[in-house]
Protein backbone atom coordinates (compact mmCIF):
# COMPACT_ATOMS: atom_id res chain seq x y z
CA MET A 1 -0.04 0.22 0.25
CA SER A 2 1.93 3.25 -1.18
CA SER A 3 -0.27 5.20 -3.17
CA LYS A 4 -0.86 8.42 -2.05
CA THR A 5 -3.32 8.91 -4.03
CA SER A 6 -5.56 6.32 -2.89
CA LEU A 7 -7.15 7.94 -0.19
CA GLY A 8 -7.55 11.43 -1.94
CA THR A 9 -8.92 14.94 -0.41
CA VAL A 10 -11.33 16.37 1.70
CA THR A 11 -11.55 20.53 1.39
CA LEU A 12 -12.28 21.47 5.38
CA CYS A 13 -12.55 25.11 4.96
CA ARG A 14 -10.42 28.95 4.21
CA GLY A 15 -8.61 26.26 1.61
CA VAL A 16 -7.55 23.95 3.51
CA SER A 17 -7.35 20.39 1.98
CA VAL A 18 -7.08 17.57 4.15
CA SER A 19 -6.59 13.49 3.80
CA PRO A 20 -9.97 12.15 5.36
CA LEU A 21 -7.99 9.83 7.49
CA CYS A 22 -6.29 12.35 9.99
CA PHE A 23 -3.42 10.47 12.41
CA GLY A 24 -4.49 11.64 15.85
CA THR A 25 -0.57 11.60 18.02
CA LEU A 26 -1.97 11.77 21.33
CA THR A 27 -1.05 7.71 21.29
CA LEU A 28 2.52 8.82 20.44
CA GLY A 29 3.42 11.03 23.35
CA PRO A 30 4.20 11.10 27.26
CA LEU A 31 0.54 10.82 27.65
CA GLN A 32 0.02 7.37 26.59
CA LYS A 33 2.51 5.43 24.45
CA ASN A 34 5.37 7.31 25.64
CA LEU A 35 7.46 6.77 22.46
CA SER A 36 10.91 8.57 21.99
CA PRO A 37 10.39 11.17 19.00
CA GLU A 38 12.60 9.56 17.08
CA ALA A 39 10.02 6.22 17.46
CA GLY A 40 7.27 8.49 16.56
CA GLY A 41 8.69 10.12 13.76
CA ARG A 42 8.94 7.40 12.14
CA LEU A 43 5.05 6.28 12.56
CA ILE A 44 4.30 9.72 10.73
CA SER A 45 7.17 9.32 8.50
CA HIS A 46 5.14 6.07 7.24
CA ALA A 47 2.01 7.27 7.27
CA TYR A 48 2.69 10.36 5.48
CA ALA A 49 3.95 7.77 2.91
CA GLN A 50 1.00 5.92 2.65
CA GLY A 51 -0.85 9.25 1.94
CA ILE A 52 -2.15 11.03 5.15
CA THR A 53 -1.23 14.74 5.07
CA PHE A 54 -3.36 15.84 8.36
CA PHE A 55 -1.89 15.72 11.68
CA ASP A 56 -3.81 16.71 15.08
CA THR A 57 -1.94 17.53 17.60
CA ALA A 58 -2.21 19.59 20.91
CA GLU A 59 0.28 21.94 23.38
CA LEU A 60 -0.64 19.28 25.98
CA TYR A 61 0.13 16.00 23.78
CA GLY A 62 4.11 17.15 23.96
CA THR A 63 4.40 15.51 20.35
CA TYR A 64 5.09 18.23 18.42
CA ALA A 65 8.83 16.66 18.10
CA HIS A 66 7.70 13.38 16.72
CA LEU A 67 6.12 15.42 14.06
CA ARG A 68 8.68 17.16 13.00
CA ALA A 69 11.02 14.29 13.53
CA GLY A 70 8.99 11.98 11.47
CA LEU A 71 8.25 14.82 8.41
CA GLY A 72 11.24 16.69 8.13
CA SER A 73 11.61 19.01 5.27
CA LYS A 74 8.15 17.70 4.60
CA ILE A 75 6.61 19.74 7.19
CA GLY A 76 5.37 22.49 5.64
CA GLU A 77 3.73 19.77 2.81
CA VAL A 78 1.00 18.65 5.21
CA VAL A 79 -1.79 20.40 7.33
CA ILE A 80 -1.71 19.84 11.47
CA ALA A 81 -4.17 21.14 13.75
CA SER A 82 -2.81 21.71 17.23
CA LYS A 83 -5.25 23.41 20.52
CA SER A 84 -4.72 25.35 23.58
CA TYR A 85 -5.88 25.74 26.62
CA ALA A 86 -5.31 29.10 26.80
CA ALA A 87 -7.70 31.87 27.69
CA ASP A 88 -6.33 35.08 27.51
CA ALA A 89 -4.40 36.49 24.25
CA PRO A 90 -1.01 36.25 26.08
CA SER A 91 -1.12 32.99 27.01
CA MET A 92 -2.32 32.11 23.63
CA ALA A 93 0.42 34.18 21.79
CA LYS A 94 2.80 31.44 23.69
CA SER A 95 0.78 28.72 22.67
CA VAL A 96 0.77 29.89 18.90
CA GLU A 97 4.90 30.87 19.33
CA ARG A 98 5.68 27.33 20.90
CA ALA A 99 4.20 25.61 17.89
CA ARG A 100 5.37 27.54 15.38
CA ALA A 101 9.01 26.93 16.92
CA GLU A 102 8.71 23.44 17.57
CA LEU A 103 7.17 22.45 14.53
CA ASN A 104 9.27 24.88 12.46
CA ARG A 105 6.26 26.13 10.60
CA ASP A 106 5.64 30.06 9.97
CA TYR A 107 2.09 29.49 10.61
CA ILE A 108 -0.24 26.64 11.93
CA ASP A 109 -3.03 25.31 9.68
CA ILE A 110 -5.82 25.08 12.11
CA PHE A 111 -5.95 26.04 15.79
CA LEU A 112 -8.64 25.49 18.76
CA LEU A 113 -9.55 26.41 21.69
CA HIS A 114 -9.11 23.11 23.64
CA GLU A 115 -12.39 20.78 25.43
CA GLN A 116 -14.53 23.64 25.24
CA GLU A 117 -18.09 22.55 26.79
CA SER A 118 -20.75 25.47 26.03
CA VAL A 119 -20.94 28.94 25.41
CA HIS A 120 -20.28 29.62 28.62
CA THR A 121 -16.54 28.54 28.45
CA MET A 122 -16.34 30.02 24.81
CA LYS A 123 -17.05 33.59 26.40
CA GLY A 124 -14.14 32.83 29.22
CA HIS A 125 -11.97 32.27 26.23
CA ARG A 126 -13.28 34.99 24.07
CA GLU A 127 -10.43 36.64 24.30
CA ALA A 128 -8.33 33.72 23.47
CA LEU A 129 -10.44 33.57 20.38
CA ASP A 130 -9.94 37.17 19.18
CA TYR A 131 -6.57 36.51 19.59
CA LEU A 132 -6.16 33.78 16.95
CA LEU A 133 -9.20 35.68 14.60
CA ASP A 134 -6.33 38.34 14.80
CA LEU A 135 -3.35 35.66 14.08
CA ARG A 136 -5.81 34.19 11.25
CA GLU A 137 -5.61 38.05 9.29
CA LYS A 138 -2.50 37.95 9.34
CA GLY A 139 -2.25 34.77 8.28
CA VAL A 140 -0.10 32.95 11.10
CA VAL A 141 -2.94 30.82 11.56
CA ARG A 142 -5.24 29.85 8.51
CA ALA A 143 -8.48 28.34 10.30
CA VAL A 144 -10.10 28.33 14.17
CA GLY A 145 -11.97 26.38 15.79
CA LEU A 146 -12.33 24.29 18.91
CA SER A 147 -12.56 20.51 20.44
CA THR A 148 -15.25 19.62 22.37
CA HIS A 149 -16.91 16.41 24.24
CA HIS A 150 -20.00 18.21 24.81
CA VAL A 151 -22.78 18.34 22.50
CA ALA A 152 -23.57 22.61 23.86
CA GLY A 153 -20.04 22.39 22.72
CA VAL A 154 -20.87 21.93 19.08
CA ARG A 155 -23.84 24.37 19.47
CA ALA A 156 -22.05 26.79 20.81
CA ALA A 157 -19.30 26.35 17.87
CA TYR A 158 -21.83 26.21 14.64
CA GLY A 159 -23.63 29.44 16.40
CA CYS A 160 -20.70 31.60 16.47
CA PRO A 161 -19.68 33.05 13.23
CA ASP A 162 -15.97 33.43 14.01
CA ILE A 163 -15.25 29.40 14.37
CA ASP A 164 -14.18 27.61 11.29
CA VAL A 165 -13.53 23.76 12.50
CA ILE A 166 -14.90 21.92 15.32
CA HIS A 167 -13.21 18.95 16.38
CA PRO A 168 -16.08 16.86 18.44
CA LEU A 169 -16.45 13.37 20.08
CA ILE A 170 -18.54 11.14 18.39
CA ASN A 171 -18.43 7.37 18.07
CA LEU A 172 -20.96 4.23 17.87
CA SER A 173 -21.75 3.55 20.86
CA GLY A 174 -21.93 7.29 22.37
CA ILE A 175 -19.15 6.70 24.79
CA GLY A 176 -17.25 9.92 26.44
CA ILE A 177 -20.36 12.29 25.86
CA ALA A 178 -20.52 14.39 28.60
CA ASP A 179 -23.89 15.89 28.27
CA GLY A 180 -25.81 13.86 25.68
CA THR A 181 -26.56 10.71 23.91
CA ARG A 182 -25.41 10.17 20.66
CA GLU A 183 -28.26 11.08 18.16
CA GLU A 184 -27.89 14.23 19.80
CA MET A 185 -24.10 14.72 19.17
CA ALA A 186 -24.67 13.35 15.66
CA GLU A 187 -27.78 16.29 15.17
CA SER A 188 -25.74 18.85 16.24
CA ILE A 189 -23.34 18.10 13.87
CA LEU A 190 -25.20 17.86 11.26
CA GLU A 191 -26.25 21.53 12.42
CA ALA A 192 -22.42 22.20 12.28
CA GLY A 193 -22.55 20.77 8.49
CA LEU A 194 -25.35 22.74 7.30
CA ALA A 195 -24.31 26.24 8.91
CA GLY A 196 -21.46 26.11 7.10
CA LYS A 197 -18.19 24.47 9.68
CA ALA A 198 -15.83 22.29 8.65
CA VAL A 199 -15.82 19.26 11.37
CA TYR A 200 -13.18 16.81 11.96
CA ALA A 201 -14.37 13.82 14.45
CA MET A 202 -12.44 12.03 17.31
CA LYS A 203 -12.96 8.98 19.32
CA ALA A 204 -14.68 7.13 16.76
CA LEU A 205 -12.68 3.52 18.77
CA ALA A 206 -13.85 4.89 21.80
CA GLY A 207 -10.94 5.07 23.27
CA GLY A 208 -10.40 2.08 22.16
CA ALA A 209 -13.39 0.33 23.81
CA LEU A 210 -14.83 -0.53 20.40
CA PHE A 211 -11.96 -1.92 18.70
CA ARG A 212 -13.70 -5.23 17.95
CA GLN A 213 -16.05 -3.92 16.31
CA ALA A 214 -13.30 -1.01 14.61
CA ALA A 215 -15.31 -1.47 10.94
CA ALA A 216 -18.70 -0.94 12.00
CA ALA A 217 -17.60 1.95 14.60
CA LEU A 218 -15.64 3.81 11.73
CA THR A 219 -17.95 3.34 9.00
CA TYR A 220 -20.91 4.70 11.27
CA VAL A 221 -18.52 7.88 12.25
CA ARG A 222 -17.42 8.89 8.18
CA GLN A 223 -21.06 8.13 7.27
CA LEU A 224 -22.53 10.52 9.45
CA PRO A 225 -23.81 13.74 7.95
CA GLY A 226 -21.58 16.77 8.30
CA VAL A 227 -18.00 14.69 8.94
CA LYS A 228 -15.52 15.43 6.52
CA ALA A 229 -12.78 14.13 8.35
CA LEU A 230 -11.58 11.36 11.13
CA ALA A 231 -8.90 11.75 13.54
CA ILE A 232 -7.49 8.41 14.61
CA GLY A 233 -4.91 7.03 16.93
CA MET A 234 -2.42 4.66 15.55
CA GLY A 235 0.54 3.55 17.79
CA SER A 236 2.17 0.84 14.65
CA ILE A 237 2.99 0.01 11.63
CA ALA A 238 0.32 -1.57 11.38
CA ASP A 239 -2.55 0.14 12.32
CA ILE A 240 -1.25 2.57 10.07
CA GLU A 241 -1.77 0.53 7.48
CA ALA A 242 -4.96 -0.85 8.24
CA ASN A 243 -6.79 1.68 8.84
CA VAL A 244 -5.22 3.75 5.33
CA ALA A 245 -6.93 0.27 4.01
CA PHE A 246 -9.77 1.02 5.42
CA PHE A 247 -10.19 4.27 4.10
CA ALA A 248 -9.51 3.66 0.69
CA THR A 249 -11.16 0.35 0.60
CA ASP A 250 -13.55 -0.08 3.04
CA ALA A 251 -12.62 -2.86 4.29
CA PHE A 252 -9.71 -3.81 7.05
CA PRO A 253 -6.78 -6.25 5.39
CA PRO A 254 -7.53 -10.07 6.53
CA SER A 255 -4.01 -10.07 7.99
CA TYR A 256 -5.41 -7.24 10.18
CA ALA A 257 -6.87 -9.15 13.06
CA MET A 258 -9.46 -7.16 14.76
CA ASP A 259 -9.70 -9.26 17.62
CA GLY A 260 -8.09 -8.27 20.05
CA GLU A 261 -4.67 -9.67 18.91
CA ARG A 262 -3.30 -6.97 16.93
CA GLY A 263 0.31 -6.11 19.17
CA GLU A 264 0.16 -4.86 22.38
CA ARG A 265 -2.70 -3.28 24.06
CA ARG A 266 -3.42 -2.12 27.42
CA LEU A 267 -5.88 -0.53 29.52
CA LEU A 268 -4.81 2.76 30.23
CA ILE A 269 -5.87 4.94 33.40
CA GLU A 270 -5.03 8.99 33.12
CA PRO A 271 -3.28 10.31 35.78
CA TRP A 272 -6.28 12.78 36.55
CA CYS A 273 -8.40 10.48 37.03
CA ALA A 274 -11.02 11.11 39.52
CA GLY A 275 -10.74 7.70 41.82
CA CYS A 276 -14.62 7.82 41.67
CA GLY A 277 -15.36 4.11 41.57
CA ASP A 278 -17.89 3.94 38.86
CA CYS A 279 -16.13 2.13 36.81
CA VAL A 280 -15.02 -1.15 39.13
CA PRO A 281 -18.25 -2.94 39.74
CA HIS A 282 -18.91 -3.05 35.75
CA CYS A 283 -15.14 -5.27 35.78
CA ARG A 284 -16.24 -8.79 34.66
CA ALA A 285 -12.34 -9.52 35.49
CA ASN A 286 -12.59 -7.75 38.91
CA CYS A 287 -9.02 -6.30 37.97
CA LEU A 288 -10.25 -3.07 38.41
CA ALA A 289 -9.95 -1.36 42.24
CA VAL A 290 -9.73 2.22 43.69
CA LYS A 291 -6.37 2.71 45.59
CA GLY A 292 -5.44 5.99 47.16
CA ASP A 293 -7.49 8.82 44.60
CA LYS A 294 -7.74 7.13 42.00
CA VAL A 295 -8.58 3.48 39.68
CA GLU A 296 -5.77 0.93 39.16
CA VAL A 297 -5.65 -1.98 37.21
CA ASP A 298 -3.91 -5.33 37.39
CA HIS A 299 -2.56 -5.76 34.17
CA SER A 300 -2.06 -9.33 34.67
CA ARG A 301 -6.57 -10.47 35.18
CA CYS A 302 -7.43 -7.35 32.22
CA THR A 303 -9.14 -8.77 29.37
CA LEU A 304 -9.51 -5.56 27.31
CA CYS A 305 -12.79 -5.58 27.36
CA GLY A 306 -13.29 -1.72 27.86
CA TYR A 307 -16.75 -2.25 29.58
CA CYS A 308 -15.06 0.26 32.03
CA VAL A 309 -14.37 2.97 29.56
CA ALA A 310 -18.25 2.82 28.79
CA HIS A 311 -18.33 3.57 32.82
CA CYS A 312 -16.08 6.75 33.04
CA LYS A 313 -18.03 9.55 32.82
CA GLY A 314 -14.84 11.86 32.44
CA PHE A 315 -13.52 9.72 30.14
CA TYR A 316 -10.27 9.23 31.83
CA MET A 317 -9.70 5.19 30.66
CA LYS A 318 -8.52 3.98 27.37
CA VAL A 319 -7.45 0.76 25.57
CA ILE A 320 -4.11 1.89 23.72
């Protein structure tokens, strides 16, 4: 699989064209697989060779170095979306300048307000958004937007004329949607598209919980009206080639097992787990327990069923 044309391209907004498959780089960094920039860069380089021209990152992810290592002189030939939690202009200025410096680029294609929840959080980040709009006018940022796990976040975004891009969470099971149902999120995405917003979705596999039904899960999100592209975390050459094949042919290669046998996987519990314990009674393997102020997993007993992910209100658990 070496053709760079098999994936094709879609136009998001403002002349920004991307591959419909976006490489979500969170998987590579210290929050998940913790690959070195060199190791992660090799995966990014392979993805680019396979036709992926859209890469999603964030200041939080710590993967700017991975992108720079993997793309090298080609870094200006791809579209990079980054995000920041900055709420005011000085903080956002630092975030954008850090991205430009560490990515070795004069401009960032897409810059997002990270994890917005509603019109209320958008109001609290208005100064940062206005700063991004000024950079958009100057050509330092090509498009601006927000990422969100909330239906209300999508609604706030499509009601805001300044927003170009929305990056929402949506999946077949509705796992991780903070304030509504799958159907409500799908409807809000449709409305966003009708309002002229560019939507690229995330968490189609629900943090790995749906990996055993990956074909159905990816098909569901790809076919949603309003979705133009989909960001997927990929942690191996096999993952990259399988997802490229799926986007090009609507089928995974026969050699790529989707039954849990595809390479080493594990349950990740984020350091900021709230320790509520709601997931514990839903673990059929009895491998979860609250210890101190967070949940811990006995990996020797974990079957990677993903049921705990479905019952984590804060979406702190992922199968990676």
